Every structure is written in C-alpha cells, then in structure tokens.
C-alpha cells in the first residue's frame, strides 16, 4: 500500500511488517490462541499480538487518523506486508529486496518490528546478530556396544566442549561493564543430535547441529576459522556445513547528526518516551533491508509488557496497543518531514 507524498521524487519511508506467525501449543494457552480474547485487565491474548499484528494495525490506524485530519506527507509512505519472516524470510523479504519492484519504491528509511520492554522505556534496535546454523559431522569407528572401541563418533561429539567454552565466556561478558544486553554477545546452543540405529550398535557417524547468533562487532572470517580449528581439534575427519550463514554486519546510525535518527528520537522525546538502543538478539527482515544499504530501525511501541513473542499466552494490553497508534501518529509525520538530502535536491 502506498500513500504518495507531495514530493514523490524524494526518498520514501517504508513501514514494514510480516503477515505470518509461529505455531501454538493450544493446551498451554489460557484461551483460544486465535480468538483475541480480552480479559478483565484489558490483556488481549492471541498469537501475533506482540509479533507483530499489533504494529501492522498501528501503522494502518495511524495513517487513517492522519488522512482523516487532512494531513499530507511530503515523502511517500509505503506499507509492506511480507510473508515467511518466521521461517527465515528467504522466500519473502530476502528475495524481494533484490527485485526491481523493490528498487522502484525508492526507500530511504525503514521501520520494522522490535520487542516489548517490561520496564517504562521503549527498546529500539539498530542492528542484528547474524544467525549461523551449523551441522558438525562426526565420523568414527562403529562396533558392538559391549566393547571398548576407540575413536568413536560419540567421542567426536566432545567438540561441543569448545562451543560451550565460548558460550560460558560470552555469558560472563553479560555481567561486565563491557556489554549490556544479549545482542552484544555471541550465543552458541546445541539444538540437534542425530546418529545411531540401536542401543547396542556404536554408530559410524553422528551429526551435531548448533544455532549461533553473532553480533555485528565480531570478525566473521576469524570466527569461522575458529570453528574449523575446533573441528580439527575434535578429531580426524570432523567437518562442518552451514544450513544458514548470514554475513551482513550493517548497522543503522543512532548518532544525533543522522537526519533519520534525529527525527525519530526527537519525536519520541517530545512524547516523553525513554529509548534504550540495542542490537536485536535474534533476526528480523530488517537485516535484508540493511544489507541493501537502507537504514532500518526495529521498533514496537510496547513498554510495561513482558516479552512473550513465540511464547504460550502471548498478549498485549489494550491501552499499550492504543498508545502505540498515537506514537506512530507522531512518528510518521516526523520521518516523512526529514529535509531533502543534497542528492535528492
């Protein structure tokens, strides 16, 4: 959906959201997960209330109010509703940013989803950790389960020790003044183990899969070299392969000298909103937008709200939701009113 500005040749503003949600385990929910049940406290329970139906509706309602007031944007505003974000965005935003139709939108700045904040502040994300999904292949000597067999695949699984080492190191960093949030550190979690056919048969090979999330401050080639080194140390013929490997380390400026950030932060300040700037700990479609050189901010106006995306009993209070509409009603005019850049004149 496009709301054309009075100066359509200027770079446009993108308000991005995704249409898909993750599955639910209904037996763990208080109410029907797709009924949008509102309890006595005004909490609306439904899958997607935080991730990210709320923001999608807030975009639309804010623009409806602005249109009703007769206000017209200077820069063009695009509302985008994309699929497949929850499964990696490979057939959604990752593909679309390479398409000529995306380039025709002439986007200069983008807003996308963020996270709730349990406190009074609002969290703003200016970058993301890179997701690396790695499977380590551990071949070894097969044999009968009753025997002492050297060089088994299970022994190779001890390569997990090296990953756990870095994980403990990064956990420790969270407790120092060097880093402050989860997005600042590398996390490594073993998520799958595959191998074996019977209790009494030592497998000829085992596969161990890991989910790594790496902040944009890490030297990625050096980090992969370490993984290769850990595999070598784990044993002969241990190899690895990527199911997913993102190398984008672009971040969006949050310096007051940056016109986009200045407009965003000044508008929030005028609404007495306290902002907490962070690296997003997981992944959103913003990483694909930043990868093509477009600054993007991840922001969902949900303060005083527990983080429940993908969780049982995901909810958003109606007052927080309604306030979010008013927030965008101020943010959108601020962003579309950013003066023309020298190359736009």
Protein backbone atom coordinates (compact mmCIF):
# COMPACT_ATOMS: atom_id res chain seq x y z
CA UNK A 1 0.00 0.00 0.00
CA UNK A 2 1.33 3.42 -0.94
CA UNK A 3 0.48 6.89 0.31
CA UNK A 4 2.08 9.23 -2.20
CA UNK A 5 3.83 12.29 -0.84
CA UNK A 6 3.67 15.84 -2.11
CA UNK A 7 7.28 15.43 -3.26
CA UNK A 8 7.32 11.85 -4.59
CA UNK A 9 10.83 12.15 -6.04
CA UNK A 10 12.28 12.24 -2.52
CA UNK A 11 13.33 9.01 -0.84
CA UNK A 12 10.30 7.24 0.65
CA UNK A 13 9.58 5.80 4.09
CA UNK A 14 8.88 2.08 4.47
CA UNK A 15 6.65 0.76 7.26
CA UNK A 16 7.34 -2.95 7.13
CA UNK A 17 5.56 -5.85 8.81
CA UNK A 18 5.23 -9.58 8.27
CA UNK A 19 1.96 -11.47 7.98
CA UNK A 20 2.97 -14.89 9.30
CA UNK A 21 3.02 -16.11 12.90
CA UNK A 22 4.56 -19.13 14.61
CA UNK A 23 2.54 -22.23 15.62
CA UNK A 24 0.93 -22.64 19.04
CA UNK A 25 0.52 -25.41 21.60
CA UNK A 26 -3.11 -24.76 22.41
CA UNK A 27 -3.05 -26.96 25.53
CA UNK A 28 -0.71 -24.45 27.18
CA UNK A 29 -2.88 -21.41 26.48
CA UNK A 30 -5.45 -19.92 28.85
CA UNK A 31 -7.72 -19.05 25.94
CA UNK A 32 -8.08 -19.91 22.26
CA UNK A 33 -4.79 -18.70 20.77
CA UNK A 34 -6.55 -17.26 17.72
CA UNK A 35 -9.61 -15.75 19.39
CA UNK A 36 -8.07 -12.43 20.56
CA UNK A 37 -9.74 -12.89 23.95
CA UNK A 38 -9.60 -9.80 26.18
CA UNK A 39 -9.56 -10.43 29.93
CA UNK A 40 -10.75 -8.16 32.74
CA UNK A 41 -7.41 -6.32 32.82
CA UNK A 42 -7.62 -5.48 29.13
CA UNK A 43 -4.97 -8.01 28.11
CA UNK A 44 -5.63 -9.31 24.59
CA UNK A 45 -4.48 -12.93 24.23
CA UNK A 46 -3.65 -14.17 20.74
CA UNK A 47 -0.75 -15.45 18.69
CA UNK A 48 0.74 -12.44 16.97
CA UNK A 49 -0.38 -9.78 19.45
CA UNK A 50 3.28 -8.89 20.00
CA UNK A 51 4.82 -10.44 16.89
CA UNK A 52 3.64 -8.50 15.03
CA UNK A 53 -0.05 -7.91 14.27
CA UNK A 54 -0.05 -5.02 16.73
CA UNK A 55 2.45 -2.98 14.74
CA UNK A 56 0.76 -3.75 11.42
CA UNK A 57 -2.58 -2.46 12.73
CA UNK A 58 -0.93 0.53 14.41
CA UNK A 59 0.63 1.59 11.10
CA UNK A 60 -2.74 1.43 9.35
CA UNK A 61 -4.70 3.16 12.10
CA UNK A 62 -2.15 5.95 12.48
CA UNK A 63 -2.31 6.65 8.76
CA UNK A 64 -6.11 6.50 8.83
CA UNK A 65 -6.12 9.19 11.54
CA UNK A 66 -3.65 11.36 9.65
CA UNK A 67 -5.68 11.09 6.46
CA UNK A 68 -8.89 11.92 8.35
CA UNK A 69 -7.23 15.10 9.61
CA UNK A 70 -6.39 16.10 6.05
CA UNK A 71 -2.65 15.87 6.64
CA UNK A 72 -0.45 15.06 3.64
CA UNK A 73 3.08 13.61 3.77
CA UNK A 74 5.99 15.25 2.00
CA UNK A 75 7.77 11.95 1.35
CA UNK A 76 5.87 8.93 0.06
CA UNK A 77 4.95 6.27 2.62
CA UNK A 78 4.88 2.57 1.72
CA UNK A 79 3.22 -0.06 3.90
CA UNK A 80 4.61 -3.51 3.20
CA UNK A 81 3.16 -6.82 4.41
CA UNK A 82 5.58 -9.67 3.71
CA UNK A 83 5.39 -13.46 4.14
CA UNK A 84 7.79 -16.06 5.54
CA UNK A 85 9.63 -13.93 8.12
CA UNK A 86 9.19 -16.59 10.80
CA UNK A 87 10.91 -19.22 8.66
CA UNK A 88 13.87 -17.06 7.70
CA UNK A 89 12.45 -14.66 5.12
CA UNK A 90 14.21 -16.44 2.26
CA UNK A 91 11.10 -16.50 0.06
CA UNK A 92 9.92 -13.18 1.43
CA UNK A 93 12.00 -10.09 2.13
CA UNK A 94 15.36 -11.64 1.24
CA UNK A 95 14.08 -12.29 -2.28
CA UNK A 96 12.07 -9.10 -2.63
CA UNK A 97 14.91 -6.66 -1.83
CA UNK A 98 16.67 -7.95 -4.97
CA UNK A 99 13.62 -7.42 -7.18
CA UNK A 100 13.27 -4.38 -9.48
CA UNK A 101 9.85 -3.64 -7.95
CA UNK A 102 11.50 -3.11 -4.57
CA UNK A 103 14.06 -0.76 -6.07
CA UNK A 104 11.26 1.27 -7.67
CA UNK A 105 9.94 2.06 -4.20
CA UNK A 106 12.93 4.40 -3.74
CA UNK A 107 13.14 3.74 0.00
CA UNK A 108 15.31 5.97 2.16
CA UNK A 109 14.43 4.70 5.64
CA UNK A 110 12.54 1.76 7.13
CA UNK A 111 10.72 0.89 10.32
CA UNK A 112 10.20 -2.76 11.24
CA UNK A 113 9.41 -4.83 14.31
CA UNK A 114 11.15 -4.67 17.67
CA UNK A 115 10.46 -6.25 21.05
CA UNK A 116 8.41 -5.46 24.13
CA UNK A 117 10.10 -3.87 27.13
CA UNK A 118 8.98 -4.91 30.65
CA UNK A 119 10.04 -1.51 32.03
CA UNK A 120 8.95 2.04 31.31
CA UNK A 121 11.38 2.51 28.41
CA UNK A 122 10.94 1.56 24.75
CA UNK A 123 13.57 -0.62 23.08
CA UNK A 124 14.96 0.45 19.71
CA UNK A 125 17.08 -1.89 17.58
CA UNK A 126 19.69 -0.54 15.16
CA UNK A 127 21.32 -3.84 14.12
CA UNK A 128 21.04 -7.60 14.47
CA UNK A 129 23.11 -10.61 15.31
CA UNK A 130 23.93 -12.86 12.38
CA UNK A 131 22.30 -16.30 12.59
CA UNK A 132 24.63 -19.18 11.72
CA UNK A 133 23.13 -22.67 11.68
CA UNK A 134 25.90 -25.25 11.57
CA UNK A 135 25.95 -29.04 11.48
CA UNK A 136 29.16 -30.75 12.57
CA UNK A 137 29.67 -34.21 11.03
CA UNK A 138 31.50 -36.60 13.34
CA UNK A 139 32.60 -39.90 11.71
CA UNK A 140 34.07 -42.65 13.84
CA UNK A 141 34.65 -46.35 14.34
CA UNK A 142 31.50 -48.49 14.59
CA UNK A 143 31.22 -51.61 16.70
CA UNK A 144 29.27 -53.60 19.28
CA UNK A 145 28.01 -51.69 22.28
CA UNK A 146 29.62 -54.17 24.68
CA UNK A 147 33.19 -53.47 23.55
CA UNK A 148 35.84 -50.82 24.16
CA UNK A 149 36.04 -49.11 20.79
CA UNK A 150 38.50 -46.31 20.17
CA UNK A 151 37.83 -43.23 18.10
CA UNK A 152 34.02 -43.41 18.14
CA UNK A 153 31.72 -40.76 16.73
CA UNK A 154 30.42 -40.08 20.23
CA UNK A 155 33.91 -39.01 21.28
CA UNK A 156 33.90 -36.52 18.43
CA UNK A 157 30.78 -35.03 19.90
CA UNK A 158 33.04 -33.64 22.58
CA UNK A 159 33.66 -30.85 20.10
CA UNK A 160 30.64 -29.44 21.91
CA UNK A 161 33.10 -28.59 24.68
CA UNK A 162 34.73 -25.97 22.52
CA UNK A 163 31.40 -24.38 21.73
CA UNK A 164 30.40 -24.47 25.38
CA UNK A 165 33.64 -22.75 26.25
CA UNK A 166 32.85 -19.75 24.09
CA UNK A 167 29.27 -19.74 25.39
CA UNK A 168 30.42 -19.54 29.01
CA UNK A 169 32.87 -16.81 28.09
CA UNK A 170 30.13 -14.76 26.43
CA UNK A 171 27.72 -15.33 29.34
CA UNK A 172 30.37 -13.87 31.62
CA UNK A 173 30.60 -10.79 29.41
CA UNK A 174 26.95 -10.03 30.17
CA UNK A 175 27.97 -9.48 33.78
CA UNK A 176 30.71 -6.96 32.97
CA UNK A 177 30.61 -3.30 32.07
CA UNK A 178 31.86 -4.18 28.57
CA UNK A 179 28.46 -5.36 27.34
CA UNK A 180 24.94 -4.72 28.47
CA UNK A 181 22.46 -6.85 26.52
CA UNK A 182 22.08 -10.25 24.88
CA UNK A 183 22.53 -8.69 21.45
CA UNK A 184 26.09 -7.69 22.34
CA UNK A 185 27.37 -11.24 22.77
CA UNK A 186 27.70 -14.47 20.79
CA UNK A 187 25.48 -17.34 21.87
CA UNK A 188 26.00 -20.97 20.83
CA UNK A 189 23.39 -23.63 21.52
CA UNK A 190 23.38 -27.29 20.51
CA UNK A 191 19.91 -27.86 19.07
CA UNK A 192 20.00 -31.27 17.36
CA UNK A 193 21.90 -34.55 17.64
CA UNK A 194 21.49 -37.25 15.00
CA UNK A 195 23.03 -40.73 14.92
CA UNK A 196 22.71 -44.34 15.94
CA UNK A 197 20.37 -47.16 14.97
CA UNK A 198 20.24 -49.33 18.12
CA UNK A 199 21.29 -49.32 21.78
CA UNK A 200 23.95 -51.95 21.22
CA UNK A 201 25.45 -50.57 18.00
CA UNK A 202 28.13 -47.88 18.16
CA UNK A 203 27.28 -45.51 15.30
CA UNK A 204 29.65 -44.94 12.42
CA UNK A 205 28.81 -41.25 12.44
CA UNK A 206 26.94 -38.61 14.39
CA UNK A 207 25.76 -35.14 13.42
CA UNK A 208 25.56 -32.30 15.93
CA UNK A 209 23.75 -29.08 14.98
CA UNK A 210 24.24 -25.66 16.54
CA UNK A 211 22.40 -22.36 16.48
CA UNK A 212 24.89 -19.49 16.70
CA UNK A 213 23.92 -15.82 16.97
CA UNK A 214 26.84 -13.48 16.33
CA UNK A 215 26.82 -9.69 16.91
CA UNK A 216 27.93 -7.35 14.11
CA UNK A 217 31.07 -6.43 16.06
CA UNK A 218 32.60 -9.90 15.59
CA UNK A 219 35.13 -10.60 12.83
CA UNK A 220 33.18 -13.31 11.00
CA UNK A 221 36.02 -14.82 8.91
CA UNK A 222 38.10 -15.16 12.08
CA UNK A 223 35.17 -16.74 13.89
CA UNK A 224 34.67 -19.32 11.15
CA UNK A 225 38.40 -20.07 11.26
CA UNK A 226 37.95 -20.89 14.95
CA UNK A 227 35.11 -23.28 14.14
CA UNK A 228 37.36 -25.02 11.63
CA UNK A 229 40.07 -25.20 14.29
CA UNK A 230 37.66 -26.68 16.86
CA UNK A 231 36.63 -29.36 14.37
CA UNK A 232 40.27 -30.24 13.73
CA UNK A 233 40.90 -30.49 17.46
CA UNK A 234 37.82 -32.67 17.91
CA UNK A 235 39.25 -35.46 15.77
CA UNK A 236 40.13 -36.79 12.37
CA UNK A 237 37.66 -36.18 9.52
CA UNK A 238 35.32 -33.96 11.57
CA UNK A 239 33.72 -31.46 9.17
CA UNK A 240 31.01 -28.83 9.27
CA UNK A 241 28.46 -27.33 6.91
CA UNK A 242 26.12 -24.36 7.06
CA UNK A 243 22.35 -24.57 6.80
CA UNK A 244 22.28 -20.80 7.19
CA UNK A 245 25.11 -18.30 7.17
CA UNK A 246 24.48 -14.55 7.24
CA UNK A 247 27.42 -12.19 6.84
CA UNK A 248 25.61 -8.84 6.97
CA UNK A 249 27.15 -6.52 9.54
CA UNK A 250 25.42 -3.30 8.58
CA UNK A 251 24.08 -1.22 11.43
CA UNK A 252 21.87 1.86 11.35
CA UNK A 253 23.29 5.10 12.70
CA UNK A 254 21.90 6.33 16.02
CA UNK A 255 24.06 9.46 16.06
CA UNK A 256 22.12 12.68 16.60
CA UNK A 257 23.83 14.03 13.49
CA UNK A 258 21.98 11.45 11.38
CA UNK A 259 18.80 13.08 10.00
CA UNK A 260 16.67 9.92 10.16
CA UNK A 261 17.66 9.05 13.72
CA UNK A 262 17.40 12.68 14.81
CA UNK A 263 13.81 12.85 13.54
CA UNK A 264 12.92 9.53 15.17
CA UNK A 265 14.49 10.27 18.55
CA UNK A 266 13.27 13.88 18.71
CA UNK A 267 9.71 12.74 18.06
CA UNK A 268 9.97 10.14 20.83
CA UNK A 269 11.48 12.69 23.20
CA UNK A 270 8.58 15.06 22.52
CA UNK A 271 6.27 12.24 23.64
CA UNK A 272 8.34 11.78 26.85
CA UNK A 273 9.47 8.35 25.72
CA UNK A 274 12.74 6.92 27.03
CA UNK A 275 14.60 4.90 24.39
CA UNK A 276 17.01 2.03 25.01
CA UNK A 277 19.20 1.29 21.98
CA UNK A 278 20.20 -2.34 21.41
CA UNK A 279 21.36 -4.93 18.89
CA UNK A 280 18.44 -7.26 18.16
CA UNK A 281 19.30 -10.65 19.72
CA UNK A 282 17.54 -12.75 17.06
CA UNK A 283 16.69 -11.93 13.42
CA UNK A 284 14.06 -9.93 11.56
CA UNK A 285 13.51 -8.79 7.98
CA UNK A 286 15.43 -5.61 8.81
CA UNK A 287 18.68 -7.45 8.17
CA UNK A 288 17.79 -7.81 4.49
CA UNK A 289 16.82 -4.15 4.27
CA UNK A 290 20.08 -3.02 5.86
CA UNK A 291 22.01 -5.39 3.58
CA UNK A 292 20.96 -3.34 0.54
CA UNK A 293 22.08 -0.12 2.19
CA UNK A 294 18.80 1.16 3.61
CA UNK A 295 18.84 2.31 7.26
CA UNK A 296 16.27 0.44 9.33
CA UNK A 297 15.09 0.71 12.92
CA UNK A 298 13.36 -2.14 14.75
CA UNK A 299 10.68 -0.67 16.99
CA UNK A 300 7.46 -1.95 18.53
CA UNK A 301 5.89 0.56 20.96
CA UNK A 302 5.24 -1.94 23.77
CA UNK A 303 6.59 -0.84 27.13
CA UNK A 304 5.48 -2.22 30.52
CA UNK A 305 4.92 -5.51 28.69
CA UNK A 306 6.59 -8.90 29.24
CA UNK A 307 8.40 -10.29 26.19
CA UNK A 308 6.12 -13.11 25.02
CA UNK A 309 6.70 -13.45 21.28
CA UNK A 310 6.60 -17.15 20.29
CA UNK A 311 5.59 -17.99 23.89
CA UNK A 312 2.46 -19.50 25.40
CA UNK A 313 -0.23 -16.95 26.31
CA UNK A 314 1.20 -14.16 24.18
CA UNK A 315 -0.73 -11.00 24.98
CA UNK A 316 -0.74 -7.22 24.69
CA UNK A 317 -2.71 -4.85 26.89
CA UNK A 318 -5.28 -2.78 25.02
CA UNK A 319 -4.01 0.51 26.49
CA UNK A 320 -0.45 -0.23 25.35
CA UNK A 321 -1.78 -1.12 21.92
CA UNK A 322 -3.87 2.06 21.62
CA UNK A 323 -0.99 4.23 22.81
CA UNK A 324 1.13 2.69 20.05
CA UNK A 325 -1.23 4.10 17.42
CA UNK A 326 -0.70 7.58 18.85
CA UNK A 327 3.06 7.02 18.82
CA UNK A 328 3.06 6.26 15.08
CA UNK A 329 0.69 9.16 14.52
CA UNK A 330 3.58 11.39 15.63
CA UNK A 331 6.50 9.33 14.28
CA UNK A 332 5.30 9.07 10.68
CA UNK A 333 4.98 12.86 10.15
CA UNK A 334 8.40 13.37 11.75
CA UNK A 335 10.09 10.89 9.42
CA UNK A 336 8.42 12.00 6.20
CA UNK A 337 9.33 15.60 7.03
CA UNK A 338 13.08 14.96 7.09
CA UNK A 339 14.53 17.66 4.78
CA UNK A 340 15.78 16.66 1.36
CA UNK A 341 19.33 15.37 1.23
CA UNK A 342 21.81 17.01 -1.18
CA UNK A 343 21.48 14.13 -3.64
CA UNK A 344 17.67 14.48 -3.58
CA UNK A 345 17.54 18.17 -4.48
